[in-house]
Amino acid sequence: MRVHVGDSELVKLLLEYFEQQADCIAIRINDSEIEVSLIGSFRTETHNAAVQDLVTGFRRRHPDARGLHLAGNGPAEVG
């Protein structure tokens, strides 16, 4: 799934999360976009919840941050 984050600080936060997960591969596409792939699907709900928490916390700390846009199938259904 390609994720257009819109904020380079949130990109760093999401990459840190996905790099710590054994069942994920995440790469930075550019300053505001990452590509995330899950290896298997048994933890999809866990990743959805974790990413939602990260994004929600980030938006609370940075209310002027631009939106998050997802493309394709993958671990997060954050909007």
C-alpha atoms as a PDB file:
ATOM      1  CA  MET A   1       0.000   0.000   0.000  1.00  0.00           C
ATOM      2  CA  ARG A   2       1.289   3.452  -0.826  1.00  0.00           C
ATOM      3  CA  VAL A   3       0.617   6.024   1.894  1.00  0.00           C
ATOM      4  CA  HIS A   4       0.773   9.735   1.114  1.00  0.00           C
ATOM      5  CA  VAL A   5       1.313  11.204   4.541  1.00  0.00           C
ATOM      6  CA  GLY A   6       1.711  14.882   3.692  1.00  0.00           C
ATOM      7  CA  ASP A   7       4.129  15.546   6.551  1.00  0.00           C
ATOM      8  CA  SER A   8       7.751  14.407   6.747  1.00  0.00           C
ATOM      9  CA  GLU A   9       7.647  14.103  10.558  1.00  0.00           C
ATOM     10  CA  LEU A  10       4.714  11.692  10.369  1.00  0.00           C
ATOM     11  CA  VAL A  11       6.592   9.726   7.679  1.00  0.00           C
ATOM     12  CA  LYS A  12       9.446   9.253  10.168  1.00  0.00           C
ATOM     13  CA  LEU A  13       7.051   8.156  12.906  1.00  0.00           C
ATOM     14  CA  LEU A  14       5.294   5.605  10.681  1.00  0.00           C
ATOM     15  CA  LEU A  15       8.581   4.264   9.294  1.00  0.00           C
ATOM     16  CA  GLU A  16       9.889   3.760  12.828  1.00  0.00           C
ATOM     17  CA  TYR A  17       6.780   1.753  13.684  1.00  0.00           C
ATOM     18  CA  PHE A  18       6.879  -0.432  10.568  1.00  0.00           C
ATOM     19  CA  GLU A  19      10.645  -1.023  10.849  1.00  0.00           C
ATOM     20  CA  GLN A  20      10.046  -2.567  14.288  1.00  0.00           C
ATOM     21  CA  GLN A  21       7.492  -5.042  12.909  1.00  0.00           C
ATOM     22  CA  ALA A  22       8.795  -8.394  11.677  1.00  0.00           C
ATOM     23  CA  ASP A  23       5.854  -8.833   9.302  1.00  0.00           C
ATOM     24  CA  CYS A  24       6.134  -5.476   7.503  1.00  0.00           C
ATOM     25  CA  ILE A  25       8.315  -3.933   4.871  1.00  0.00           C
ATOM     26  CA  ALA A  26       8.186  -0.145   4.589  1.00  0.00           C
ATOM     27  CA  ILE A  27      10.220   2.167   2.392  1.00  0.00           C
ATOM     28  CA  ARG A  28      10.266   5.912   2.002  1.00  0.00           C
ATOM     29  CA  ILE A  29       9.183   6.989  -1.482  1.00  0.00           C
ATOM     30  CA  ASN A  30       9.791  10.704  -0.867  1.00  0.00           C
ATOM     31  CA  ASP A  31       9.493  13.238   1.959  1.00  0.00           C
ATOM     32  CA  SER A  32       5.743  12.731   2.291  1.00  0.00           C
ATOM     33  CA  GLU A  33       5.076   9.205   1.037  1.00  0.00           C
ATOM     34  CA  ILE A  34       5.882   5.618   2.049  1.00  0.00           C
ATOM     35  CA  GLU A  35       5.169   2.181   0.592  1.00  0.00           C
ATOM     36  CA  VAL A  36       4.083  -0.488   3.099  1.00  0.00           C
ATOM     37  CA  SER A  37       3.739  -4.231   2.498  1.00  0.00           C
ATOM     38  CA  LEU A  38       2.565  -6.826   4.979  1.00  0.00           C
ATOM     39  CA  ILE A  39       4.063 -10.294   4.937  1.00  0.00           C
ATOM     40  CA  GLY A  40       0.977 -12.328   5.790  1.00  0.00           C
ATOM     41  CA  SER A  41      -2.303 -10.939   7.029  1.00  0.00           C
ATOM     42  CA  PHE A  42      -2.847 -12.280  10.525  1.00  0.00           C
ATOM     43  CA  ARG A  43      -1.958  -8.991  12.266  1.00  0.00           C
ATOM     44  CA  THR A  44      -3.807  -6.564   9.985  1.00  0.00           C
ATOM     45  CA  GLU A  45      -6.170  -5.397  12.742  1.00  0.00           C
ATOM     46  CA  THR A  46      -3.244  -4.898  15.127  1.00  0.00           C
ATOM     47  CA  HIS A  47      -1.419  -2.741  12.577  1.00  0.00           C
ATOM     48  CA  ASN A  48      -4.586  -0.788  11.760  1.00  0.00           C
ATOM     49  CA  ALA A  49      -5.050   0.071  15.429  1.00  0.00           C
ATOM     50  CA  ALA A  50      -1.377   0.953  15.974  1.00  0.00           C
ATOM     51  CA  VAL A  51      -1.223   3.206  12.899  1.00  0.00           C
ATOM     52  CA  GLN A  52      -4.514   4.866  13.886  1.00  0.00           C
ATOM     53  CA  ASP A  53      -3.077   5.596  17.348  1.00  0.00           C
ATOM     54  CA  LEU A  54       0.148   6.998  15.868  1.00  0.00           C
ATOM     55  CA  VAL A  55      -1.702   9.235  13.411  1.00  0.00           C
ATOM     56  CA  THR A  56      -4.230  10.423  16.001  1.00  0.00           C
ATOM     57  CA  GLY A  57      -1.489  11.298  18.475  1.00  0.00           C
ATOM     58  CA  PHE A  58       0.500  13.067  15.771  1.00  0.00           C
ATOM     59  CA  ARG A  59      -2.533  15.113  14.657  1.00  0.00           C
ATOM     60  CA  ARG A  60      -3.202  16.164  18.256  1.00  0.00           C
ATOM     61  CA  ARG A  61       0.369  17.409  18.584  1.00  0.00           C
ATOM     62  CA  HIS A  62       0.404  18.943  15.070  1.00  0.00           C
ATOM     63  CA  PRO A  63      -3.136  20.192  14.292  1.00  0.00           C
ATOM     64  CA  ASP A  64      -1.986  21.983  11.125  1.00  0.00           C
ATOM     65  CA  ALA A  65      -0.444  18.855   9.565  1.00  0.00           C
ATOM     66  CA  ARG A  66      -1.742  17.877   6.158  1.00  0.00           C
ATOM     67  CA  GLY A  67      -3.920  14.809   5.617  1.00  0.00           C
ATOM     68  CA  LEU A  68      -3.071  11.166   5.209  1.00  0.00           C
ATOM     69  CA  HIS A  69      -4.093   9.447   1.964  1.00  0.00           C
ATOM     70  CA  LEU A  70      -3.944   5.719   1.379  1.00  0.00           C
ATOM     71  CA  ALA A  71      -3.826   3.880  -1.940  1.00  0.00           C
ATOM     72  CA  GLY A  72      -4.243   0.149  -2.392  1.00  0.00           C
ATOM     73  CA  ASN A  73      -4.747  -2.674   0.049  1.00  0.00           C
ATOM     74  CA  GLY A  74      -2.670  -2.860   3.158  1.00  0.00           C
ATOM     75  CA  PRO A  75      -2.341  -2.591   6.884  1.00  0.00           C
ATOM     76  CA  ALA A  76      -4.027   0.740   7.555  1.00  0.00           C
ATOM     77  CA  GLU A  77      -7.477   2.120   6.957  1.00  0.00           C
ATOM     78  CA  VAL A  78      -6.719   5.535   8.405  1.00  0.00           C
ATOM     79  CA  GLY A  79      -8.390   8.589   6.975  1.00  0.00           C
END
